[in-house]
Each structure stands twice: as structure tokens, then as C-alpha cells.
Amino acid sequence: MMFDIFLNLSKREKNLIILALVAVCLFVVFLLSKNIIDSYSLSSQKLLKAKNDYEYVISKAELLNSSLISNSTDINQIEAYIKDLFSNPANDLKVENLKESLRISFRTNNIKDAMSISDEIAKTLQRQLIKISYSKDEQDTLVELYFINF
């Protein structure tokens, strides 16, 4: 029935109807794509805000943790913190409380890891470093750090 009416129209009327249908289809596609782009933009902004909030909280937590560790005299707490900081490259971690110093010793696979881990521990503990000892074995490197004890 509808198709018969369409066939009875002149060529110009058929072209106008087809053009109108194409315009409506393009308008619908435009609306859908605009909605998707707006949703993506809003999601990107929310992601950026959440990421910034997360980084802020992490930095404050690290600052608090670092402050607590630098003032701590509990050997187990210091050892646990260092193990959390360097799980993989440092082996045989030992923290000992000597008379006037705090000794931290560990083993690494190479001297480069030993130096970077030593530097990070010294920065994290924020204590005065009085002696560093590096000893190279056949397989690994033994590091001993001595800090002034509070």
C-alpha cells in the first residue's frame, strides 16, 4: 500500500522523500555520536579527578608513613617497612639495634641494586648515616648501613 503510493510519485517527489529520510538518518547518527562523545569527555574528566585524588591520598599516606618510620625505634616495624619498600631485589634483610647505632644489612644480586636500595633506605629513614659497607661475594653483594640511633 505505502509502496504503491511511493511508486505513483514523480521522480522529483521521490528524490525529496529519499533526501528527507537520509537527512533524518544523519541527524540521528549525529545525535548518537554527540551523546557518546559527551559521555566520553565527562568520563575522562571524572577519571582525571579520581586519579589526582588517588595520587594526593597516596602521597599523604607515604609522607605519614615515612614520618612514623623515621621516628620509630621498633626494629620489627622498620624491617617490615623496608621489606614492603623492596620486596624483590633485597634478600636476607636484617635490622639490628646496636649500642649507639642501627644496623641494616641485606644482600642483592649486583652492586647497582645495592646502591639504589641503600640510597632509598637512607632517604626513607631520614636518619644520619654514619657508615656504609659493600662486600662483593661470588654470587651477590652484602650491604651494611649504620645509622645513628635515637
N, C-alpha and C. Protein backbone atom coordinates (compact mmCIF):
# COMPACT_ATOMS: atom_id res chain seq x y z
N MET A 1 0.82 -1.19 0.00
CA MET A 1 0.00 0.00 0.00
C MET A 1 0.87 1.26 0.00
N MET A 2 1.78 1.38 0.98
CA MET A 2 2.67 2.55 1.04
C MET A 2 3.61 2.55 -0.15
N PHE A 3 4.05 1.36 -0.50
CA PHE A 3 4.99 1.29 -1.61
C PHE A 3 4.32 1.69 -2.93
N ASP A 4 3.03 1.35 -3.08
CA ASP A 4 2.28 1.76 -4.28
C ASP A 4 2.17 3.28 -4.36
N ILE A 5 1.94 3.91 -3.22
CA ILE A 5 1.85 5.38 -3.20
C ILE A 5 3.21 5.96 -3.59
N PHE A 6 4.27 5.36 -3.08
CA PHE A 6 5.61 5.86 -3.39
C PHE A 6 5.91 5.71 -4.88
N LEU A 7 5.46 4.61 -5.50
CA LEU A 7 5.71 4.40 -6.93
C LEU A 7 4.92 5.37 -7.79
N ASN A 8 3.78 5.85 -7.31
CA ASN A 8 2.96 6.77 -8.08
C ASN A 8 3.48 8.21 -8.04
N LEU A 9 4.46 8.49 -7.17
CA LEU A 9 5.01 9.85 -7.06
C LEU A 9 5.94 10.14 -8.23
N SER A 10 6.11 11.41 -8.48
CA SER A 10 7.03 11.79 -9.56
C SER A 10 8.47 11.62 -9.09
N LYS A 11 9.39 11.67 -10.01
CA LYS A 11 10.81 11.45 -9.71
C LYS A 11 11.31 12.50 -8.72
N ARG A 12 10.90 13.74 -8.90
CA ARG A 12 11.32 14.82 -8.02
C ARG A 12 10.81 14.59 -6.59
N GLU A 13 9.57 14.15 -6.43
CA GLU A 13 8.98 13.89 -5.11
C GLU A 13 9.69 12.70 -4.44
N LYS A 14 10.01 11.67 -5.22
CA LYS A 14 10.74 10.51 -4.69
C LYS A 14 12.10 10.94 -4.15
N ASN A 15 12.79 11.77 -4.95
CA ASN A 15 14.11 12.25 -4.53
C ASN A 15 14.03 13.09 -3.25
N LEU A 16 12.99 13.91 -3.13
CA LEU A 16 12.81 14.73 -1.93
C LEU A 16 12.55 13.86 -0.70
N ILE A 17 11.74 12.82 -0.85
CA ILE A 17 11.44 11.92 0.27
C ILE A 17 12.70 11.15 0.68
N ILE A 18 13.44 10.65 -0.30
CA ILE A 18 14.70 9.93 0.00
C ILE A 18 15.70 10.87 0.68
N LEU A 19 15.79 12.09 0.17
CA LEU A 19 16.69 13.09 0.77
C LEU A 19 16.27 13.42 2.20
N ALA A 20 14.99 13.51 2.46
CA ALA A 20 14.50 13.79 3.81
C ALA A 20 14.81 12.61 4.74
N LEU A 21 14.64 11.37 4.27
CA LEU A 21 14.96 10.21 5.08
C LEU A 21 16.46 10.13 5.39
N VAL A 22 17.28 10.44 4.39
CA VAL A 22 18.73 10.46 4.61
C VAL A 22 19.10 11.54 5.63
N ALA A 23 18.47 12.71 5.53
CA ALA A 23 18.74 13.80 6.47
C ALA A 23 18.34 13.39 7.89
N VAL A 24 17.18 12.72 8.03
CA VAL A 24 16.74 12.27 9.36
C VAL A 24 17.73 11.22 9.90
N CYS A 25 18.17 10.30 9.06
CA CYS A 25 19.13 9.28 9.49
C CYS A 25 20.45 9.92 9.92
N LEU A 26 20.94 10.89 9.15
CA LEU A 26 22.18 11.59 9.51
C LEU A 26 22.02 12.35 10.83
N PHE A 27 20.86 12.95 11.03
CA PHE A 27 20.59 13.68 12.27
C PHE A 27 20.61 12.74 13.47
N VAL A 28 20.01 11.54 13.30
CA VAL A 28 20.00 10.56 14.38
C VAL A 28 21.43 10.08 14.67
N VAL A 29 22.21 9.82 13.63
CA VAL A 29 23.60 9.41 13.81
C VAL A 29 24.39 10.52 14.51
N PHE A 30 24.16 11.76 14.12
CA PHE A 30 24.83 12.90 14.75
C PHE A 30 24.48 12.98 16.24
N LEU A 31 23.21 12.82 16.57
CA LEU A 31 22.80 12.88 17.97
C LEU A 31 23.44 11.76 18.79
N LEU A 32 23.46 10.55 18.23
CA LEU A 32 24.07 9.43 18.94
C LEU A 32 25.56 9.63 19.14
N SER A 33 26.25 10.09 18.10
CA SER A 33 27.69 10.30 18.22
C SER A 33 28.00 11.44 19.18
N LYS A 34 27.19 12.49 19.18
CA LYS A 34 27.41 13.61 20.10
C LYS A 34 27.23 13.14 21.54
N ASN A 35 26.23 12.30 21.77
CA ASN A 35 26.00 11.77 23.10
C ASN A 35 27.17 10.91 23.56
N ILE A 36 27.69 10.08 22.68
CA ILE A 36 28.83 9.23 23.02
C ILE A 36 30.06 10.08 23.32
N ILE A 37 30.32 11.09 22.52
CA ILE A 37 31.48 11.96 22.73
C ILE A 37 31.34 12.73 24.04
N ASP A 38 30.15 13.23 24.33
CA ASP A 38 29.93 13.95 25.60
C ASP A 38 30.13 13.02 26.80
N SER A 39 29.64 11.80 26.70
CA SER A 39 29.81 10.83 27.79
C SER A 39 31.29 10.50 27.98
N TYR A 40 32.00 10.34 26.87
CA TYR A 40 33.43 10.05 26.94
C TYR A 40 34.19 11.21 27.58
N SER A 41 33.85 12.41 27.21
CA SER A 41 34.51 13.59 27.78
C SER A 41 34.26 13.69 29.27
N LEU A 42 33.03 13.48 29.69
CA LEU A 42 32.70 13.52 31.12
C LEU A 42 33.42 12.41 31.88
N SER A 43 33.46 11.22 31.30
CA SER A 43 34.17 10.11 31.94
C SER A 43 35.65 10.40 32.05
N SER A 44 36.24 11.01 31.04
CA SER A 44 37.66 11.36 31.09
C SER A 44 37.93 12.37 32.19
N GLN A 45 37.06 13.34 32.35
CA GLN A 45 37.23 14.33 33.42
C GLN A 45 37.11 13.68 34.79
N LYS A 46 36.14 12.77 34.95
CA LYS A 46 35.98 12.07 36.22
C LYS A 46 37.19 11.19 36.52
N LEU A 47 37.71 10.53 35.50
CA LEU A 47 38.89 9.69 35.67
C LEU A 47 40.08 10.53 36.10
N LEU A 48 40.29 11.67 35.48
CA LEU A 48 41.40 12.55 35.83
C LEU A 48 41.28 13.04 37.27
N LYS A 49 40.07 13.41 37.66
CA LYS A 49 39.84 13.87 39.03
C LYS A 49 40.10 12.74 40.02
N ALA A 50 39.60 11.55 39.73
CA ALA A 50 39.81 10.40 40.62
C ALA A 50 41.30 10.06 40.71
N LYS A 51 42.00 10.13 39.58
CA LYS A 51 43.43 9.85 39.58
C LYS A 51 44.19 10.86 40.42
N ASN A 52 43.86 12.14 40.29
CA ASN A 52 44.51 13.17 41.09
C ASN A 52 44.21 13.00 42.57
N ASP A 53 42.97 12.66 42.91
CA ASP A 53 42.61 12.42 44.30
C ASP A 53 43.39 11.22 44.86
N TYR A 54 43.49 10.17 44.06
CA TYR A 54 44.22 8.98 44.48
C TYR A 54 45.69 9.30 44.72
N GLU A 55 46.32 10.03 43.80
CA GLU A 55 47.73 10.38 43.95
C GLU A 55 47.94 11.27 45.17
N TYR A 56 47.01 12.16 45.45
CA TYR A 56 47.11 13.03 46.62
C TYR A 56 47.06 12.19 47.91
N VAL A 57 46.12 11.26 47.97
CA VAL A 57 45.99 10.42 49.16
C VAL A 57 47.23 9.55 49.33
N ILE A 58 47.72 8.98 48.25
CA ILE A 58 48.92 8.14 48.31
C ILE A 58 50.12 8.95 48.80
N SER A 59 50.28 10.16 48.29
CA SER A 59 51.42 10.98 48.71
C SER A 59 51.34 11.33 50.19
N LYS A 60 50.14 11.64 50.67
CA LYS A 60 49.98 11.95 52.10
C LYS A 60 50.21 10.70 52.96
N ALA A 61 49.75 9.55 52.50
CA ALA A 61 49.97 8.31 53.24
C ALA A 61 51.46 7.97 53.30
N GLU A 62 52.17 8.16 52.19
CA GLU A 62 53.61 7.90 52.17
C GLU A 62 54.34 8.88 53.08
N LEU A 63 53.91 10.13 53.08
CA LEU A 63 54.52 11.13 53.94
C LEU A 63 54.31 10.77 55.41
N LEU A 64 53.11 10.36 55.77
CA LEU A 64 52.81 9.96 57.14
C LEU A 64 53.61 8.72 57.53
N ASN A 65 53.64 7.74 56.64
CA ASN A 65 54.37 6.51 56.91
C ASN A 65 55.86 6.79 57.07
N SER A 66 56.40 7.63 56.21
CA SER A 66 57.81 8.00 56.29
C SER A 66 58.11 8.72 57.59
N SER A 67 57.21 9.59 58.01
CA SER A 67 57.39 10.31 59.27
C SER A 67 57.37 9.35 60.45
N LEU A 68 56.45 8.39 60.42
CA LEU A 68 56.36 7.42 61.51
C LEU A 68 57.60 6.53 61.56
N ILE A 69 58.09 6.12 60.40
CA ILE A 69 59.26 5.24 60.35
C ILE A 69 60.52 5.99 60.78
N SER A 70 60.66 7.24 60.38
CA SER A 70 61.87 7.97 60.72
C SER A 70 62.00 8.20 62.22
N ASN A 71 60.88 8.23 62.93
CA ASN A 71 60.91 8.43 64.38
C ASN A 71 60.79 7.12 65.16
N SER A 72 60.63 6.02 64.48
CA SER A 72 60.40 4.74 65.15
C SER A 72 61.71 4.14 65.66
N THR A 73 61.62 3.48 66.81
CA THR A 73 62.76 2.73 67.33
C THR A 73 62.47 1.22 67.31
N ASP A 74 61.30 0.83 66.85
CA ASP A 74 60.91 -0.57 66.79
C ASP A 74 61.57 -1.23 65.57
N ILE A 75 62.44 -2.19 65.83
CA ILE A 75 63.19 -2.86 64.77
C ILE A 75 62.26 -3.61 63.83
N ASN A 76 61.26 -4.28 64.37
CA ASN A 76 60.33 -5.05 63.54
C ASN A 76 59.54 -4.15 62.60
N GLN A 77 59.16 -2.99 63.08
CA GLN A 77 58.42 -2.04 62.24
C GLN A 77 59.30 -1.52 61.10
N ILE A 78 60.54 -1.21 61.41
CA ILE A 78 61.47 -0.72 60.38
C ILE A 78 61.74 -1.83 59.36
N GLU A 79 61.94 -3.04 59.85
CA GLU A 79 62.20 -4.16 58.94
C GLU A 79 61.01 -4.43 58.03
N ALA A 80 59.81 -4.40 58.58
CA ALA A 80 58.60 -4.63 57.78
C ALA A 80 58.43 -3.53 56.73
N TYR A 81 58.72 -2.30 57.11
CA TYR A 81 58.60 -1.19 56.16
C TYR A 81 59.59 -1.34 55.01
N ILE A 82 60.82 -1.72 55.31
CA ILE A 82 61.83 -1.89 54.26
C ILE A 82 61.46 -3.07 53.37
N LYS A 83 60.94 -4.14 53.96
CA LYS A 83 60.51 -5.30 53.14
C LYS A 83 59.37 -4.90 52.20
N ASP A 84 58.46 -4.06 52.69
CA ASP A 84 57.38 -3.59 51.81
C ASP A 84 57.92 -2.70 50.71
N LEU A 85 58.93 -1.92 51.04
CA LEU A 85 59.50 -0.98 50.08
C LEU A 85 60.25 -1.71 48.97
N PHE A 86 61.03 -2.74 49.34
CA PHE A 86 61.84 -3.50 48.39
C PHE A 86 61.60 -4.98 48.58
N SER A 87 60.60 -5.50 47.93
CA SER A 87 60.29 -6.91 48.11
C SER A 87 61.24 -7.81 47.32
N ASN A 88 61.58 -7.43 46.11
CA ASN A 88 62.29 -8.35 45.24
C ASN A 88 63.82 -8.28 45.31
N PRO A 89 64.45 -7.12 45.07
CA PRO A 89 65.89 -7.13 44.90
C PRO A 89 66.70 -7.36 46.18
N ALA A 90 66.13 -7.12 47.35
CA ALA A 90 66.89 -7.27 48.59
C ALA A 90 66.56 -8.60 49.26
N ASN A 91 67.61 -9.36 49.60
CA ASN A 91 67.45 -10.65 50.28
C ASN A 91 68.11 -10.58 51.65
N ASP A 92 67.74 -11.49 52.53
CA ASP A 92 68.36 -11.61 53.86
C ASP A 92 68.41 -10.28 54.60
N LEU A 93 67.31 -9.60 54.64
CA LEU A 93 67.25 -8.30 55.33
C LEU A 93 67.32 -8.52 56.84
N LYS A 94 68.21 -7.78 57.49
CA LYS A 94 68.34 -7.84 58.95
C LYS A 94 68.44 -6.42 59.47
N VAL A 95 67.67 -6.14 60.50
CA VAL A 95 67.73 -4.85 61.18
C VAL A 95 68.10 -5.12 62.62
N GLU A 96 69.21 -4.52 63.05
CA GLU A 96 69.69 -4.77 64.40
C GLU A 96 69.90 -3.45 65.13
N ASN A 97 69.60 -3.46 66.40
CA ASN A 97 69.77 -2.30 67.24
C ASN A 97 71.05 -2.50 68.04
N LEU A 98 72.12 -1.80 67.66
CA LEU A 98 73.38 -1.89 68.39
C LEU A 98 73.37 -0.82 69.48
N LYS A 99 74.49 -0.67 70.21
CA LYS A 99 74.52 0.29 71.31
C LYS A 99 74.11 1.69 70.89
N GLU A 100 74.84 2.25 69.95
CA GLU A 100 74.57 3.64 69.56
C GLU A 100 74.20 3.77 68.09
N SER A 101 73.93 2.65 67.47
CA SER A 101 73.59 2.72 66.04
C SER A 101 72.56 1.67 65.67
N LEU A 102 71.98 1.89 64.53
CA LEU A 102 71.01 0.97 63.95
C LEU A 102 71.66 0.38 62.71
N ARG A 103 71.80 -0.94 62.65
CA ARG A 103 72.45 -1.58 61.51
C ARG A 103 71.40 -2.27 60.65
N ILE A 104 71.44 -1.97 59.37
CA ILE A 104 70.56 -2.63 58.40
C ILE A 104 71.46 -3.34 57.40
N SER A 105 71.27 -4.63 57.26
CA SER A 105 72.08 -5.39 56.30
C SER A 105 71.16 -6.18 55.37
N PHE A 106 71.61 -6.32 54.14
CA PHE A 106 70.85 -7.09 53.15
C PHE A 106 71.77 -7.51 52.02
N ARG A 107 71.29 -8.42 51.19
CA ARG A 107 72.05 -8.91 50.03
C ARG A 107 71.27 -8.58 48.76
N THR A 108 72.01 -8.25 47.72
CA THR A 108 71.42 -8.01 46.41
C THR A 108 72.21 -8.76 45.35
N ASN A 109 71.65 -8.79 44.14
CA ASN A 109 72.30 -9.52 43.05
C ASN A 109 73.49 -8.77 42.47
N ASN A 110 73.42 -7.44 42.47
CA ASN A 110 74.51 -6.67 41.88
C ASN A 110 74.72 -5.37 42.65
N ILE A 111 75.82 -4.72 42.36
CA ILE A 111 76.19 -3.50 43.09
C ILE A 111 75.26 -2.34 42.75
N LYS A 112 74.73 -2.32 41.54
CA LYS A 112 73.82 -1.24 41.15
C LYS A 112 72.55 -1.27 42.00
N ASP A 113 71.96 -2.45 42.16
CA ASP A 113 70.78 -2.58 43.02
C ASP A 113 71.13 -2.24 44.46
N ALA A 114 72.30 -2.66 44.91
CA ALA A 114 72.73 -2.38 46.29
C ALA A 114 72.81 -0.89 46.54
N MET A 115 73.36 -0.16 45.61
CA MET A 115 73.50 1.29 45.79
C MET A 115 72.15 2.00 45.74
N SER A 116 71.28 1.60 44.81
CA SER A 116 69.97 2.26 44.73
C SER A 116 69.10 1.95 45.95
N ILE A 117 69.16 0.71 46.44
CA ILE A 117 68.39 0.35 47.63
C ILE A 117 68.94 1.07 48.86
N SER A 118 70.25 1.14 48.97
CA SER A 118 70.86 1.86 50.10
C SER A 118 70.45 3.32 50.10
N ASP A 119 70.48 3.92 48.94
CA ASP A 119 70.09 5.33 48.82
C ASP A 119 68.63 5.53 49.21
N GLU A 120 67.77 4.65 48.75
CA GLU A 120 66.34 4.77 49.06
C GLU A 120 66.07 4.55 50.55
N ILE A 121 66.76 3.60 51.16
CA ILE A 121 66.59 3.37 52.61
C ILE A 121 67.05 4.59 53.39
N ALA A 122 68.19 5.16 53.01
CA ALA A 122 68.71 6.34 53.71
C ALA A 122 67.75 7.52 53.59
N LYS A 123 67.18 7.70 52.40
CA LYS A 123 66.21 8.79 52.21
C LYS A 123 64.94 8.54 53.02
N THR A 124 64.50 7.31 53.04
CA THR A 124 63.24 6.97 53.71
C THR A 124 63.35 7.10 55.22
N LEU A 125 64.42 6.59 55.78
CA LEU A 125 64.56 6.61 57.24
C LEU A 125 64.86 8.01 57.78
N GLN A 126 65.43 8.86 56.97
CA GLN A 126 65.76 10.23 57.37
C GLN A 126 66.55 10.27 58.67
N ARG A 127 67.52 9.38 58.75
CA ARG A 127 68.43 9.36 59.89
C ARG A 127 69.83 9.62 59.38
N GLN A 128 70.70 10.01 60.28
CA GLN A 128 72.07 10.30 59.88
C GLN A 128 72.82 9.00 59.65
N LEU A 129 73.32 8.84 58.46
CA LEU A 129 74.07 7.65 58.07
C LEU A 129 75.52 7.85 58.50
N ILE A 130 76.07 6.89 59.25
CA ILE A 130 77.44 7.05 59.73
C ILE A 130 78.43 6.12 59.03
N LYS A 131 77.94 5.02 58.46
CA LYS A 131 78.86 4.10 57.80
C LYS A 131 78.09 3.26 56.78
N ILE A 132 78.74 3.01 55.63
CA ILE A 132 78.20 2.13 54.60
C ILE A 132 79.27 1.11 54.26
N SER A 133 78.88 -0.14 54.17
CA SER A 133 79.82 -1.20 53.83
C SER A 133 79.23 -2.04 52.70
N TYR A 134 79.99 -2.15 51.59
CA TYR A 134 79.61 -3.01 50.47
C TYR A 134 80.64 -4.12 50.35
N SER A 135 80.19 -5.37 50.34
CA SER A 135 81.09 -6.52 50.18
C SER A 135 80.57 -7.38 49.04
N LYS A 136 81.44 -7.63 48.08
CA LYS A 136 81.05 -8.41 46.91
C LYS A 136 81.50 -9.85 47.06
N ASP A 137 80.54 -10.78 47.01
CA ASP A 137 80.85 -12.22 47.00
C ASP A 137 80.82 -12.69 45.55
N GLU A 138 80.97 -14.01 45.38
CA GLU A 138 80.89 -14.55 44.02
C GLU A 138 79.50 -14.39 43.42
N GLN A 139 78.47 -14.50 44.26
CA GLN A 139 77.11 -14.50 43.75
C GLN A 139 76.38 -13.18 43.97
N ASP A 140 76.59 -12.56 45.09
CA ASP A 140 75.81 -11.37 45.40
C ASP A 140 76.63 -10.35 46.18
N THR A 141 75.98 -9.25 46.54
CA THR A 141 76.63 -8.15 47.25
C THR A 141 75.99 -8.00 48.62
N LEU A 142 76.82 -7.95 49.65
CA LEU A 142 76.34 -7.73 51.02
C LEU A 142 76.47 -6.24 51.32
N VAL A 143 75.40 -5.65 51.84
CA VAL A 143 75.38 -4.24 52.17
C VAL A 143 75.07 -4.09 53.65
N GLU A 144 75.83 -3.24 54.31
CA GLU A 144 75.57 -2.91 55.71
C GLU A 144 75.50 -1.40 55.84
N LEU A 145 74.39 -0.92 56.39
CA LEU A 145 74.19 0.51 56.62
C LEU A 145 74.11 0.74 58.13
N TYR A 146 74.84 1.74 58.60
CA TYR A 146 74.82 2.08 60.02
C TYR A 146 74.27 3.50 60.16
N PHE A 147 73.22 3.62 60.99
CA PHE A 147 72.59 4.90 61.25
C PHE A 147 72.72 5.25 62.72
N ILE A 148 72.72 6.54 63.01
CA ILE A 148 72.70 6.97 64.41
C ILE A 148 71.34 6.61 64.98
N ASN A 149 71.36 5.98 66.15
CA ASN A 149 70.13 5.53 66.80
C ASN A 149 69.59 6.64 67.69
N PHE A 150 68.29 6.81 67.69
CA PHE A 150 67.68 7.86 68.53
C PHE A 150 67.57 7.44 69.95
